[in-house]
Amino acid sequence: MKLSLPIILILAFVCMDLQLSAQEVDSLKYISLKPALFRECYLKDKNAFLIDVREYFEYKKSRIKGAINIPSSGNIDMAADTLNINQSIYLYCTSGFRAKKVAVRLADRGFGSVFNLEGGIKRWKEEGLAVEKKRRKG
């Protein structure tokens, strides 16, 4: 059976729509991803940088493995100056609120690939995804 161009375009659109339904586009600046997709994308992205924007006392209790702590209450703009603008930035906090604010700030500074963990580490844990719980000294 030969498919016409309009049918192919419709099928492509439906497939793309199904793929995007797993994520929520919060703005044109960044993308919120559900925990499983966030984890998958972060692990597959060789250019990824995972940032926990919670306060240090929150970070040292539990965190996603590989995350570095850059609190949103600190000078995120100064920290952004040390990051490679071409890296994919994956952000999370407790519920997603603080990370969304940081995502907008980073996007405004020219970062093109910024992702937020939808529901934060709270939802990450609810979905049974692993966290490091060993307390960090300091």
C-alpha atoms as a PDB file:
ATOM      1  CA  MET A   1       0.000   0.000   0.000  1.00  0.00           C
ATOM      2  CA  LYS A   2       1.404   3.368  -1.024  1.00  0.00           C
ATOM      3  CA  LEU A   3       0.813   6.242   1.406  1.00  0.00           C
ATOM      4  CA  SER A   4       0.168   9.738   0.124  1.00  0.00           C
ATOM      5  CA  LEU A   5       2.122  12.722   1.399  1.00  0.00           C
ATOM      6  CA  PRO A   6      -0.790  14.079   3.524  1.00  0.00           C
ATOM      7  CA  ILE A   7      -1.167  10.679   5.255  1.00  0.00           C
ATOM      8  CA  ILE A   8       2.579  10.511   5.938  1.00  0.00           C
ATOM      9  CA  LEU A   9       2.511  14.031   7.393  1.00  0.00           C
ATOM     10  CA  ILE A  10      -0.456  13.166   9.626  1.00  0.00           C
ATOM     11  CA  LEU A  11       1.287  10.008  10.859  1.00  0.00           C
ATOM     12  CA  ALA A  12       4.480  11.949  11.551  1.00  0.00           C
ATOM     13  CA  PHE A  13       2.527  14.590  13.474  1.00  0.00           C
ATOM     14  CA  VAL A  14       0.707  11.947  15.564  1.00  0.00           C
ATOM     15  CA  CYS A  15       3.992  10.211  16.422  1.00  0.00           C
ATOM     16  CA  MET A  16       5.593  13.516  17.354  1.00  0.00           C
ATOM     17  CA  ASP A  17       2.570  14.443  19.469  1.00  0.00           C
ATOM     18  CA  LEU A  18       2.731  11.124  21.329  1.00  0.00           C
ATOM     19  CA  GLN A  19       6.414  11.651  22.017  1.00  0.00           C
ATOM     20  CA  LEU A  20       5.833  15.168  23.339  1.00  0.00           C
ATOM     21  CA  SER A  21       2.923  14.091  25.545  1.00  0.00           C
ATOM     22  CA  ALA A  22       5.501  12.656  27.959  1.00  0.00           C
ATOM     23  CA  GLN A  23       6.817  16.142  28.572  1.00  0.00           C
ATOM     24  CA  GLU A  24       5.319  19.490  29.347  1.00  0.00           C
ATOM     25  CA  VAL A  25       6.578  22.529  27.491  1.00  0.00           C
ATOM     26  CA  ASP A  26       6.329  25.229  30.145  1.00  0.00           C
ATOM     27  CA  SER A  27       7.640  27.991  28.003  1.00  0.00           C
ATOM     28  CA  LEU A  28       9.656  28.541  24.912  1.00  0.00           C
ATOM     29  CA  LYS A  29      12.700  28.774  27.163  1.00  0.00           C
ATOM     30  CA  TYR A  30      12.863  25.378  28.869  1.00  0.00           C
ATOM     31  CA  ILE A  31      11.137  22.007  29.016  1.00  0.00           C
ATOM     32  CA  SER A  32       9.746  20.203  32.056  1.00  0.00           C
ATOM     33  CA  LEU A  33      10.160  16.439  31.869  1.00  0.00           C
ATOM     34  CA  LYS A  34       8.461  13.765  33.935  1.00  0.00           C
ATOM     35  CA  PRO A  35      10.919  11.896  36.187  1.00  0.00           C
ATOM     36  CA  ALA A  36      11.432   8.760  34.069  1.00  0.00           C
ATOM     37  CA  LEU A  37      11.988  10.781  30.894  1.00  0.00           C
ATOM     38  CA  PHE A  38      14.184  13.301  32.741  1.00  0.00           C
ATOM     39  CA  ARG A  39      16.367  10.419  33.986  1.00  0.00           C
ATOM     40  CA  GLU A  40      16.523   8.785  30.564  1.00  0.00           C
ATOM     41  CA  CYS A  41      17.434  12.016  28.789  1.00  0.00           C
ATOM     42  CA  TYR A  42      20.012  13.029  31.391  1.00  0.00           C
ATOM     43  CA  LEU A  43      21.730   9.633  31.288  1.00  0.00           C
ATOM     44  CA  LYS A  44      21.815   9.502  27.472  1.00  0.00           C
ATOM     45  CA  ASP A  45      22.933  13.105  27.016  1.00  0.00           C
ATOM     46  CA  LYS A  46      26.734  13.114  26.898  1.00  0.00           C
ATOM     47  CA  ASN A  47      26.630  16.900  27.161  1.00  0.00           C
ATOM     48  CA  ALA A  48      24.451  16.955  30.306  1.00  0.00           C
ATOM     49  CA  PHE A  49      25.048  18.903  33.501  1.00  0.00           C
ATOM     50  CA  LEU A  50      22.741  18.028  36.437  1.00  0.00           C
ATOM     51  CA  ILE A  51      22.123  20.800  38.973  1.00  0.00           C
ATOM     52  CA  ASP A  52      20.277  20.588  42.288  1.00  0.00           C
ATOM     53  CA  VAL A  53      19.090  24.136  43.039  1.00  0.00           C
ATOM     54  CA  ARG A  54      17.948  23.374  46.596  1.00  0.00           C
ATOM     55  CA  GLU A  55      19.752  24.706  49.631  1.00  0.00           C
ATOM     56  CA  TYR A  56      22.854  22.813  50.714  1.00  0.00           C
ATOM     57  CA  PHE A  57      21.164  21.382  53.842  1.00  0.00           C
ATOM     58  CA  GLU A  58      18.524  19.800  51.547  1.00  0.00           C
ATOM     59  CA  TYR A  59      21.091  18.571  49.049  1.00  0.00           C
ATOM     60  CA  LYS A  60      23.293  16.874  51.625  1.00  0.00           C
ATOM     61  CA  LYS A  61      20.372  14.757  52.931  1.00  0.00           C
ATOM     62  CA  SER A  62      19.449  13.239  49.551  1.00  0.00           C
ATOM     63  CA  ARG A  63      20.201  13.983  45.937  1.00  0.00           C
ATOM     64  CA  ILE A  64      20.142  12.510  42.458  1.00  0.00           C
ATOM     65  CA  LYS A  65      23.453  10.798  41.782  1.00  0.00           C
ATOM     66  CA  GLY A  66      25.822  13.017  39.851  1.00  0.00           C
ATOM     67  CA  ALA A  67      24.099  16.296  40.723  1.00  0.00           C
ATOM     68  CA  ILE A  68      26.052  19.318  41.824  1.00  0.00           C
ATOM     69  CA  ASN A  69      24.548  21.826  44.205  1.00  0.00           C
ATOM     70  CA  ILE A  70      24.054  25.419  43.075  1.00  0.00           C
ATOM     71  CA  PRO A  71      21.349  26.889  45.346  1.00  0.00           C
ATOM     72  CA  SER A  72      18.804  29.121  43.665  1.00  0.00           C
ATOM     73  CA  SER A  73      19.120  31.539  46.587  1.00  0.00           C
ATOM     74  CA  GLY A  74      22.790  32.111  45.747  1.00  0.00           C
ATOM     75  CA  ASN A  75      24.187  34.039  42.846  1.00  0.00           C
ATOM     76  CA  ILE A  76      22.998  31.764  40.065  1.00  0.00           C
ATOM     77  CA  ASP A  77      24.128  34.330  37.496  1.00  0.00           C
ATOM     78  CA  MET A  78      27.726  34.133  38.703  1.00  0.00           C
ATOM     79  CA  ALA A  79      27.541  30.334  38.688  1.00  0.00           C
ATOM     80  CA  ALA A  80      26.137  30.432  35.147  1.00  0.00           C
ATOM     81  CA  ASP A  81      29.290  32.260  34.045  1.00  0.00           C
ATOM     82  CA  THR A  82      31.271  29.112  34.886  1.00  0.00           C
ATOM     83  CA  LEU A  83      29.029  26.798  32.844  1.00  0.00           C
ATOM     84  CA  ASN A  84      29.390  25.984  29.172  1.00  0.00           C
ATOM     85  CA  ILE A  85      26.485  27.636  27.355  1.00  0.00           C
ATOM     86  CA  ASN A  86      26.403  24.688  24.913  1.00  0.00           C
ATOM     87  CA  GLN A  87      25.798  22.109  27.635  1.00  0.00           C
ATOM     88  CA  SER A  88      22.385  20.651  28.309  1.00  0.00           C
ATOM     89  CA  ILE A  89      21.340  21.823  31.774  1.00  0.00           C
ATOM     90  CA  TYR A  90      19.086  19.543  33.853  1.00  0.00           C
ATOM     91  CA  LEU A  91      17.641  21.227  36.942  1.00  0.00           C
ATOM     92  CA  TYR A  92      15.686  20.028  39.928  1.00  0.00           C
ATOM     93  CA  CYS A  93      14.574  21.152  43.366  1.00  0.00           C
ATOM     94  CA  THR A  94      12.025  19.797  45.831  1.00  0.00           C
ATOM     95  CA  SER A  95       8.847  20.397  43.822  1.00  0.00           C
ATOM     96  CA  GLY A  96       9.972  22.051  40.584  1.00  0.00           C
ATOM     97  CA  PHE A  97       9.163  25.647  41.534  1.00  0.00           C
ATOM     98  CA  ARG A  98      12.693  26.926  42.225  1.00  0.00           C
ATOM     99  CA  ALA A  99      14.144  24.974  39.316  1.00  0.00           C
ATOM    100  CA  LYS A 100      11.651  26.607  36.920  1.00  0.00           C
ATOM    101  CA  LYS A 101      12.798  30.050  38.037  1.00  0.00           C
ATOM    102  CA  VAL A 102      16.433  29.081  37.489  1.00  0.00           C
ATOM    103  CA  ALA A 103      15.562  27.537  34.107  1.00  0.00           C
ATOM    104  CA  VAL A 104      14.135  30.838  32.905  1.00  0.00           C
ATOM    105  CA  ARG A 105      17.179  32.747  34.163  1.00  0.00           C
ATOM    106  CA  LEU A 106      19.586  30.361  32.417  1.00  0.00           C
ATOM    107  CA  ALA A 107      17.591  30.458  29.197  1.00  0.00           C
ATOM    108  CA  ASP A 108      17.606  34.250  29.345  1.00  0.00           C
ATOM    109  CA  ARG A 109      21.410  34.079  29.601  1.00  0.00           C
ATOM    110  CA  GLY A 110      21.545  32.124  26.343  1.00  0.00           C
ATOM    111  CA  PHE A 111      21.482  28.489  27.433  1.00  0.00           C
ATOM    112  CA  GLY A 112      19.558  26.684  24.719  1.00  0.00           C
ATOM    113  CA  SER A 113      18.958  23.259  26.268  1.00  0.00           C
ATOM    114  CA  VAL A 114      17.429  23.669  29.715  1.00  0.00           C
ATOM    115  CA  PHE A 115      15.297  20.979  31.352  1.00  0.00           C
ATOM    116  CA  ASN A 116      13.323  20.972  34.605  1.00  0.00           C
ATOM    117  CA  LEU A 117      12.383  17.877  36.589  1.00  0.00           C
ATOM    118  CA  GLU A 118       8.584  18.052  36.721  1.00  0.00           C
ATOM    119  CA  GLY A 119       7.459  17.663  40.334  1.00  0.00           C
ATOM    120  CA  GLY A 120      11.031  17.873  41.573  1.00  0.00           C
ATOM    121  CA  ILE A 121      12.873  15.288  43.623  1.00  0.00           C
ATOM    122  CA  LYS A 122       9.674  14.687  45.576  1.00  0.00           C
ATOM    123  CA  ARG A 123       7.996  13.217  42.488  1.00  0.00           C
ATOM    124  CA  TRP A 124      11.254  11.475  41.522  1.00  0.00           C
ATOM    125  CA  LYS A 125      11.172   9.589  44.848  1.00  0.00           C
ATOM    126  CA  GLU A 126       7.420   8.900  44.566  1.00  0.00           C
ATOM    127  CA  GLU A 127       8.105   7.154  41.265  1.00  0.00           C
ATOM    128  CA  GLY A 128      10.702   4.950  42.945  1.00  0.00           C
ATOM    129  CA  LEU A 129      13.766   6.403  41.275  1.00  0.00           C
ATOM    130  CA  ALA A 130      17.049   6.179  43.186  1.00  0.00           C
ATOM    131  CA  VAL A 131      18.618   8.933  45.253  1.00  0.00           C
ATOM    132  CA  GLU A 132      21.856   9.144  47.168  1.00  0.00           C
ATOM    133  CA  LYS A 133      21.055   9.426  50.861  1.00  0.00           C
ATOM    134  CA  LYS A 134      24.501   9.422  52.369  1.00  0.00           C
ATOM    135  CA  ARG A 135      24.992  12.691  54.161  1.00  0.00           C
ATOM    136  CA  ARG A 136      27.676  14.880  52.730  1.00  0.00           C
ATOM    137  CA  LYS A 137      30.027  16.528  55.179  1.00  0.00           C
ATOM    138  CA  GLY A 138      30.354  20.228  55.254  1.00  0.00           C
END
